[in-house]
PDB file of N, CA and C in Angstrom:
ATOM      1  N   MET A   1       2.206  56.649  37.111  1.00  0.00           N
ATOM      2  CA  MET A   1       0.880  56.689  36.509  1.00  0.00           C
ATOM      3  C   MET A   1      -0.080  55.841  37.339  1.00  0.00           C
ATOM      4  N   GLU A   2      -1.309  56.266  37.402  1.00  0.00           N
ATOM      5  CA  GLU A   2      -2.320  55.519  38.149  1.00  0.00           C
ATOM      6  C   GLU A   2      -2.756  54.282  37.357  1.00  0.00           C
ATOM      7  N   GLN A   3      -3.210  53.259  38.073  1.00  0.00           N
ATOM      8  CA  GLN A   3      -3.670  52.024  37.428  1.00  0.00           C
ATOM      9  C   GLN A   3      -4.759  52.291  36.387  1.00  0.00           C
ATOM     10  N   LEU A   4      -5.715  53.175  36.733  1.00  0.00           N
ATOM     11  CA  LEU A   4      -6.811  53.455  35.795  1.00  0.00           C
ATOM     12  C   LEU A   4      -6.299  54.109  34.526  1.00  0.00           C
ATOM     13  N   GLU A   5      -5.369  55.044  34.674  1.00  0.00           N
ATOM     14  CA  GLU A   5      -4.796  55.707  33.494  1.00  0.00           C
ATOM     15  C   GLU A   5      -4.084  54.691  32.617  1.00  0.00           C
ATOM     16  N   LEU A   6      -3.328  53.793  33.247  1.00  0.00           N
ATOM     17  CA  LEU A   6      -2.604  52.778  32.490  1.00  0.00           C
ATOM     18  C   LEU A   6      -3.565  51.900  31.686  1.00  0.00           C
ATOM     19  N   GLN A   7      -4.683  51.520  32.311  1.00  0.00           N
ATOM     20  CA  GLN A   7      -5.627  50.648  31.620  1.00  0.00           C
ATOM     21  C   GLN A   7      -6.308  51.341  30.449  1.00  0.00           C
ATOM     22  N   ASP A   8      -6.338  52.660  30.462  1.00  0.00           N
ATOM     23  CA  ASP A   8      -6.964  53.406  29.370  1.00  0.00           C
ATOM     24  C   ASP A   8      -5.981  53.756  28.252  1.00  0.00           C
ATOM     25  N   LEU A   9      -4.715  53.410  28.431  1.00  0.00           N
ATOM     26  CA  LEU A   9      -3.721  53.727  27.410  1.00  0.00           C
ATOM     27  C   LEU A   9      -4.049  53.035  26.088  1.00  0.00           C
ATOM     28  N   LYS A  10      -3.748  53.718  25.007  1.00  0.00           N
ATOM     29  CA  LYS A  10      -3.848  53.085  23.698  1.00  0.00           C
ATOM     30  C   LYS A  10      -2.474  52.463  23.442  1.00  0.00           C
ATOM     31  N   VAL A  11      -2.433  51.149  23.407  1.00  0.00           N
ATOM     32  CA  VAL A  11      -1.140  50.501  23.189  1.00  0.00           C
ATOM     33  C   VAL A  11      -0.953  50.176  21.718  1.00  0.00           C
ATOM     34  N   ASP A  12       0.302  50.263  21.282  1.00  0.00           N
ATOM     35  CA  ASP A  12       0.619  49.998  19.881  1.00  0.00           C
ATOM     36  C   ASP A  12       0.992  48.542  19.645  1.00  0.00           C
ATOM     37  N   LYS A  13       1.415  47.874  20.713  1.00  0.00           N
ATOM     38  CA  LYS A  13       1.873  46.480  20.580  1.00  0.00           C
ATOM     39  C   LYS A  13       1.585  45.765  21.888  1.00  0.00           C
ATOM     40  N   VAL A  14       1.016  44.561  21.812  1.00  0.00           N
ATOM     41  CA  VAL A  14       0.803  43.732  23.001  1.00  0.00           C
ATOM     42  C   VAL A  14       1.676  42.496  22.862  1.00  0.00           C
ATOM     43  N   VAL A  15       2.459  42.213  23.897  1.00  0.00           N
ATOM     44  CA  VAL A  15       3.301  41.026  23.929  1.00  0.00           C
ATOM     45  C   VAL A  15       2.723  40.114  25.004  1.00  0.00           C
ATOM     46  N   ASP A  16       2.153  38.992  24.586  1.00  0.00           N
ATOM     47  CA  ASP A  16       1.581  38.052  25.549  1.00  0.00           C
ATOM     48  C   ASP A  16       2.614  36.975  25.859  1.00  0.00           C
ATOM     49  N   ALA A  17       3.303  37.156  26.988  1.00  0.00           N
ATOM     50  CA  ALA A  17       4.353  36.212  27.394  1.00  0.00           C
ATOM     51  C   ALA A  17       3.924  35.418  28.631  1.00  0.00           C
ATOM     52  N   ARG A  18       2.623  35.265  28.807  1.00  0.00           N
ATOM     53  CA  ARG A  18       2.122  34.578  30.002  1.00  0.00           C
ATOM     54  C   ARG A  18       2.498  33.107  30.041  1.00  0.00           C
ATOM     55  N   GLY A  19       2.792  32.520  28.897  1.00  0.00           N
ATOM     56  CA  GLY A  19       3.146  31.098  28.871  1.00  0.00           C
ATOM     57  C   GLY A  19       4.618  30.825  29.117  1.00  0.00           C
ATOM     58  N   THR A  20       5.413  31.865  29.300  1.00  0.00           N
ATOM     59  CA  THR A  20       6.853  31.665  29.459  1.00  0.00           C
ATOM     60  C   THR A  20       7.318  32.097  30.842  1.00  0.00           C
ATOM     61  N   ALA A  21       8.353  31.414  31.319  1.00  0.00           N
ATOM     62  CA  ALA A  21       8.962  31.786  32.602  1.00  0.00           C
ATOM     63  C   ALA A  21      10.180  32.652  32.325  1.00  0.00           C
ATOM     64  N   CYS A  22      10.681  33.303  33.347  1.00  0.00           N
ATOM     65  CA  CYS A  22      11.852  34.159  33.258  1.00  0.00           C
ATOM     66  C   CYS A  22      12.999  33.385  32.603  1.00  0.00           C
ATOM     67  N   PRO A  23      13.744  33.890  31.647  1.00  0.00           N
ATOM     68  CA  PRO A  23      13.706  35.268  31.119  1.00  0.00           C
ATOM     69  C   PRO A  23      12.839  35.417  29.876  1.00  0.00           C
ATOM     70  N   GLY A  24      11.918  34.492  29.638  1.00  0.00           N
ATOM     71  CA  GLY A  24      11.078  34.534  28.439  1.00  0.00           C
ATOM     72  C   GLY A  24      10.388  35.856  28.181  1.00  0.00           C
ATOM     73  N   PRO A  25       9.654  36.401  29.175  1.00  0.00           N
ATOM     74  CA  PRO A  25       8.969  37.676  28.917  1.00  0.00           C
ATOM     75  C   PRO A  25       9.915  38.810  28.531  1.00  0.00           C
ATOM     76  N   LEU A  26      11.087  38.844  29.147  1.00  0.00           N
ATOM     77  CA  LEU A  26      12.064  39.886  28.815  1.00  0.00           C
ATOM     78  C   LEU A  26      12.563  39.705  27.386  1.00  0.00           C
ATOM     79  N   LEU A  27      12.854  38.467  26.987  1.00  0.00           N
ATOM     80  CA  LEU A  27      13.323  38.202  25.626  1.00  0.00           C
ATOM     81  C   LEU A  27      12.240  38.579  24.611  1.00  0.00           C
ATOM     82  N   GLU A  28      10.982  38.247  24.927  1.00  0.00           N
ATOM     83  CA  GLU A  28       9.871  38.613  24.033  1.00  0.00           C
ATOM     84  C   GLU A  28       9.775  40.138  23.900  1.00  0.00           C
ATOM     85  N   ALA A  29       9.931  40.838  25.027  1.00  0.00           N
ATOM     86  CA  ALA A  29       9.856  42.308  25.014  1.00  0.00           C
ATOM     87  C   ALA A  29      10.995  42.892  24.185  1.00  0.00           C
ATOM     88  N   LYS A  30      12.200  42.325  24.334  1.00  0.00           N
ATOM     89  CA  LYS A  30      13.359  42.813  23.562  1.00  0.00           C
ATOM     90  C   LYS A  30      13.112  42.657  22.069  1.00  0.00           C
ATOM     91  N   LYS A  31      12.533  41.525  21.669  1.00  0.00           N
ATOM     92  CA  LYS A  31      12.230  41.303  20.252  1.00  0.00           C
ATOM     93  C   LYS A  31      11.174  42.293  19.769  1.00  0.00           C
ATOM     94  N   ALA A  32      10.117  42.447  20.560  1.00  0.00           N
ATOM     95  CA  ALA A  32       8.968  43.257  20.142  1.00  0.00           C
ATOM     96  C   ALA A  32       9.289  44.744  20.087  1.00  0.00           C
ATOM     97  N   ILE A  33      10.187  45.222  20.951  1.00  0.00           N
ATOM     98  CA  ILE A  33      10.474  46.668  21.000  1.00  0.00           C
ATOM     99  C   ILE A  33      11.046  47.132  19.658  1.00  0.00           C
ATOM    100  N   GLY A  34      11.687  46.217  18.947  1.00  0.00           N
ATOM    101  CA  GLY A  34      12.238  46.545  17.629  1.00  0.00           C
ATOM    102  C   GLY A  34      11.186  46.719  16.553  1.00  0.00           C
ATOM    103  N   THR A  35       9.963  46.307  16.845  1.00  0.00           N
ATOM    104  CA  THR A  35       8.907  46.367  15.828  1.00  0.00           C
ATOM    105  C   THR A  35       8.017  47.605  15.968  1.00  0.00           C
ATOM    106  N   ILE A  36       8.281  48.422  17.011  1.00  0.00           N
ATOM    107  CA  ILE A  36       7.485  49.640  17.180  1.00  0.00           C
ATOM    108  C   ILE A  36       8.385  50.871  17.059  1.00  0.00           C
ATOM    109  N   SER A  37       7.759  52.000  16.818  1.00  0.00           N
ATOM    110  CA  SER A  37       8.499  53.250  16.636  1.00  0.00           C
ATOM    111  C   SER A  37       8.703  53.970  17.960  1.00  0.00           C
ATOM    112  N   SER A  38       9.666  54.873  17.963  1.00  0.00           N
ATOM    113  CA  SER A  38       9.936  55.692  19.138  1.00  0.00           C
ATOM    114  C   SER A  38       8.665  56.424  19.562  1.00  0.00           C
ATOM    115  N   GLY A  39       8.372  56.406  20.866  1.00  0.00           N
ATOM    116  CA  GLY A  39       7.183  57.078  21.377  1.00  0.00           C
ATOM    117  C   GLY A  39       5.949  56.196  21.433  1.00  0.00           C
ATOM    118  N   GLU A  40       6.024  55.027  20.801  1.00  0.00           N
ATOM    119  CA  GLU A  40       4.885  54.105  20.836  1.00  0.00           C
ATOM    120  C   GLU A  40       4.898  53.312  22.144  1.00  0.00           C
ATOM    121  N   ILE A  41       3.740  52.762  22.493  1.00  0.00           N
ATOM    122  CA  ILE A  41       3.579  52.090  23.779  1.00  0.00           C
ATOM    123  C   ILE A  41       3.382  50.590  23.588  1.00  0.00           C
ATOM    124  N   MET A  42       4.101  49.831  24.426  1.00  0.00           N
ATOM    125  CA  MET A  42       4.023  48.379  24.390  1.00  0.00           C
ATOM    126  C   MET A  42       3.498  47.881  25.727  1.00  0.00           C
ATOM    127  N   GLU A  43       2.629  46.890  25.663  1.00  0.00           N
ATOM    128  CA  GLU A  43       2.083  46.248  26.860  1.00  0.00           C
ATOM    129  C   GLU A  43       2.600  44.812  26.885  1.00  0.00           C
ATOM    130  N   ILE A  44       3.237  44.432  27.987  1.00  0.00           N
ATOM    131  CA  ILE A  44       3.746  43.072  28.133  1.00  0.00           C
ATOM    132  C   ILE A  44       2.889  42.356  29.170  1.00  0.00           C
ATOM    133  N   LEU A  45       2.349  41.204  28.790  1.00  0.00           N
ATOM    134  CA  LEU A  45       1.558  40.392  29.714  1.00  0.00           C
ATOM    135  C   LEU A  45       2.455  39.269  30.225  1.00  0.00           C
ATOM    136  N   SER A  46       2.548  39.133  31.534  1.00  0.00           N
ATOM    137  CA  SER A  46       3.417  38.112  32.104  1.00  0.00           C
ATOM    138  C   SER A  46       2.857  37.604  33.420  1.00  0.00           C
ATOM    139  N   ALA A  47       3.034  36.308  33.661  1.00  0.00           N
ATOM    140  CA  ALA A  47       2.621  35.725  34.939  1.00  0.00           C
ATOM    141  C   ALA A  47       3.842  35.499  35.828  1.00  0.00           C
ATOM    142  N   ASP A  48       5.024  35.855  35.336  1.00  0.00           N
ATOM    143  CA  ASP A  48       6.266  35.609  36.075  1.00  0.00           C
ATOM    144  C   ASP A  48       6.609  36.800  36.971  1.00  0.00           C
ATOM    145  N   GLU A  49       6.743  36.540  38.276  1.00  0.00           N
ATOM    146  CA  GLU A  49       7.039  37.598  39.256  1.00  0.00           C
ATOM    147  C   GLU A  49       8.286  38.410  38.891  1.00  0.00           C
ATOM    148  N   GLY A  50       9.326  37.739  38.438  1.00  0.00           N
ATOM    149  CA  GLY A  50      10.596  38.402  38.135  1.00  0.00           C
ATOM    150  C   GLY A  50      10.483  39.464  37.055  1.00  0.00           C
ATOM    151  N   THR A  51       9.500  39.289  36.190  1.00  0.00           N
ATOM    152  CA  THR A  51       9.313  40.230  35.080  1.00  0.00           C
ATOM    153  C   THR A  51       9.043  41.644  35.585  1.00  0.00           C
ATOM    154  N   LYS A  52       8.377  41.745  36.735  1.00  0.00           N
ATOM    155  CA  LYS A  52       8.064  43.077  37.291  1.00  0.00           C
ATOM    156  C   LYS A  52       9.323  43.865  37.623  1.00  0.00           C
ATOM    157  N   ARG A  53      10.414  43.160  37.923  1.00  0.00           N
ATOM    158  CA  ARG A  53      11.703  43.819  38.189  1.00  0.00           C
ATOM    159  C   ARG A  53      12.538  43.941  36.921  1.00  0.00           C
ATOM    160  N   ASP A  54      12.584  42.848  36.162  1.00  0.00           N
ATOM    161  CA  ASP A  54      13.486  42.769  35.002  1.00  0.00           C
ATOM    162  C   ASP A  54      13.165  43.791  33.914  1.00  0.00           C
ATOM    163  N   ILE A  55      11.893  43.921  33.577  1.00  0.00           N
ATOM    164  CA  ILE A  55      11.533  44.793  32.451  1.00  0.00           C
ATOM    165  C   ILE A  55      11.798  46.265  32.760  1.00  0.00           C
ATOM    166  N   PRO A  56      11.395  46.780  33.942  1.00  0.00           N
ATOM    167  CA  PRO A  56      11.739  48.188  34.224  1.00  0.00           C
ATOM    168  C   PRO A  56      13.252  48.431  34.210  1.00  0.00           C
ATOM    169  N   LYS A  57      14.027  47.492  34.757  1.00  0.00           N
ATOM    170  CA  LYS A  57      15.491  47.641  34.780  1.00  0.00           C
ATOM    171  C   LYS A  57      16.050  47.701  33.363  1.00  0.00           C
ATOM    172  N   TRP A  58      15.607  46.774  32.529  1.00  0.00           N
ATOM    173  CA  TRP A  58      16.059  46.724  31.136  1.00  0.00           C
ATOM    174  C   TRP A  58      15.637  47.993  30.391  1.00  0.00           C
ATOM    175  N   ALA A  59      14.388  48.433  30.597  1.00  0.00           N
ATOM    176  CA  ALA A  59      13.879  49.625  29.902  1.00  0.00           C
ATOM    177  C   ALA A  59      14.725  50.843  30.240  1.00  0.00           C
ATOM    178  N   ASN A  60      15.016  51.027  31.530  1.00  0.00           N
ATOM    179  CA  ASN A  60      15.818  52.185  31.935  1.00  0.00           C
ATOM    180  C   ASN A  60      17.210  52.136  31.334  1.00  0.00           C
ATOM    181  N   LYS A  61      17.786  50.941  31.282  1.00  0.00           N
ATOM    182  CA  LYS A  61      19.136  50.789  30.732  1.00  0.00           C
ATOM    183  C   LYS A  61      19.161  51.130  29.244  1.00  0.00           C
ATOM    184  N   LYS A  62      18.066  50.805  28.546  1.00  0.00           N
ATOM    185  CA  LYS A  62      18.005  51.003  27.097  1.00  0.00           C
ATOM    186  C   LYS A  62      17.396  52.341  26.691  1.00  0.00           C
ATOM    187  N   GLY A  63      16.981  53.150  27.673  1.00  0.00           N
ATOM    188  CA  GLY A  63      16.439  54.466  27.337  1.00  0.00           C
ATOM    189  C   GLY A  63      14.959  54.473  27.010  1.00  0.00           C
ATOM    190  N   HIS A  64      14.250  53.406  27.398  1.00  0.00           N
ATOM    191  CA  HIS A  64      12.794  53.372  27.221  1.00  0.00           C
ATOM    192  C   HIS A  64      12.159  53.815  28.534  1.00  0.00           C
ATOM    193  N   GLU A  65      10.912  54.243  28.472  1.00  0.00           N
ATOM    194  CA  GLU A  65      10.238  54.713  29.678  1.00  0.00           C
ATOM    195  C   GLU A  65       9.320  53.628  30.241  1.00  0.00           C
ATOM    196  N   TYR A  66       9.640  53.175  31.451  1.00  0.00           N
ATOM    197  CA  TYR A  66       8.754  52.243  32.149  1.00  0.00           C
ATOM    198  C   TYR A  66       7.599  53.067  32.688  1.00  0.00           C
ATOM    199  N   MET A  67       6.374  52.731  32.306  1.00  0.00           N
ATOM    200  CA  MET A  67       5.219  53.549  32.665  1.00  0.00           C
ATOM    201  C   MET A  67       4.449  53.016  33.869  1.00  0.00           C
ATOM    202  N   GLY A  68       4.606  51.723  34.160  1.00  0.00           N
ATOM    203  CA  GLY A  68       3.915  51.155  35.307  1.00  0.00           C
ATOM    204  C   GLY A  68       3.429  49.750  35.049  1.00  0.00           C
ATOM    205  N   THR A  69       2.902  49.144  36.098  1.00  0.00           N
ATOM    206  CA  THR A  69       2.419  47.770  36.048  1.00  0.00           C
ATOM    207  C   THR A  69       1.005  47.714  36.630  1.00  0.00           C
ATOM    208  N   VAL A  70       0.141  46.975  35.976  1.00  0.00           N
ATOM    209  CA  VAL A  70      -1.214  46.735  36.476  1.00  0.00           C
ATOM    210  C   VAL A  70      -1.305  45.249  36.818  1.00  0.00           C
ATOM    211  N   GLU A  71      -1.737  44.944  38.034  1.00  0.00           N
ATOM    212  CA  GLU A  71      -1.893  43.549  38.430  1.00  0.00           C
ATOM    213  C   GLU A  71      -3.283  43.067  38.088  1.00  0.00           C
ATOM    214  N   GLU A  72      -3.336  41.984  37.326  1.00  0.00           N
ATOM    215  CA  GLU A  72      -4.605  41.348  36.996  1.00  0.00           C
ATOM    216  C   GLU A  72      -4.670  40.056  37.805  1.00  0.00           C
ATOM    217  N   SER A  73      -5.703  39.288  37.614  1.00  0.00           N
ATOM    218  CA  SER A  73      -5.843  38.024  38.330  1.00  0.00           C
ATOM    219  C   SER A  73      -4.892  36.990  37.718  1.00  0.00           C
ATOM    220  N   GLY A  74      -3.789  36.721  38.411  1.00  0.00           N
ATOM    221  CA  GLY A  74      -2.847  35.703  37.941  1.00  0.00           C
ATOM    222  C   GLY A  74      -1.780  36.166  36.965  1.00  0.00           C
ATOM    223  N   TYR A  75      -1.793  37.446  36.597  1.00  0.00           N
ATOM    224  CA  TYR A  75      -0.736  37.960  35.712  1.00  0.00           C
ATOM    225  C   TYR A  75      -0.632  39.477  35.839  1.00  0.00           C
ATOM    226  N   PHE A  76       0.369  40.032  35.160  1.00  0.00           N
ATOM    227  CA  PHE A  76       0.632  41.474  35.208  1.00  0.00           C
ATOM    228  C   PHE A  76       0.605  42.034  33.800  1.00  0.00           C
ATOM    229  N   LYS A  77       0.261  43.325  33.717  1.00  0.00           N
ATOM    230  CA  LYS A  77       0.395  44.069  32.462  1.00  0.00           C
ATOM    231  C   LYS A  77       1.444  45.145  32.736  1.00  0.00           C
ATOM    232  N   ILE A  78       2.516  45.103  31.980  1.00  0.00           N
ATOM    233  CA  ILE A  78       3.617  46.050  32.171  1.00  0.00           C
ATOM    234  C   ILE A  78       3.657  46.963  30.948  1.00  0.00           C
ATOM    235  N   TYR A  79       3.728  48.275  31.211  1.00  0.00           N
ATOM    236  CA  TYR A  79       3.678  49.260  30.128  1.00  0.00           C
ATOM    237  C   TYR A  79       5.011  49.971  29.946  1.00  0.00           C
ATOM    238  N   LEU A  80       5.427  50.061  28.687  1.00  0.00           N
ATOM    239  CA  LEU A  80       6.669  50.734  28.312  1.00  0.00           C
ATOM    240  C   LEU A  80       6.401  51.678  27.159  1.00  0.00           C
ATOM    241  N   LYS A  81       7.124  52.797  27.162  1.00  0.00           N
ATOM    242  CA  LYS A  81       7.109  53.683  25.994  1.00  0.00           C
ATOM    243  C   LYS A  81       8.502  53.607  25.390  1.00  0.00           C
ATOM    244  N   LYS A  82       8.563  53.325  24.095  1.00  0.00           N
ATOM    245  CA  LYS A  82       9.870  53.185  23.436  1.00  0.00           C
ATOM    246  C   LYS A  82      10.575  54.536  23.384  1.00  0.00           C
ATOM    247  N   GLY A  83      11.852  54.526  23.764  1.00  0.00           N
ATOM    248  CA  GLY A  83      12.664  55.735  23.782  1.00  0.00           C
ATOM    249  C   GLY A  83      13.219  56.088  22.430  1.00  0.00           C
TER     250      GLY A  83
END
């Protein structure tokens, strides 16, 4: 997905994990994914570099769809669709 398309997504849940280091953002995402329904979209905010690798890997393993990452100033927005 293109960065512009990602930014226009309607997200169902935002997880702001910018204050935590690895594996904090992943743990926050694991907790939050249980609170949304299948097909809903979650946005994870993280300043940790490792999160860009960890979350897509975890999503694929669990059957969720990694939709892409948007880089902001000093942090990332990672998009997932719950499987």
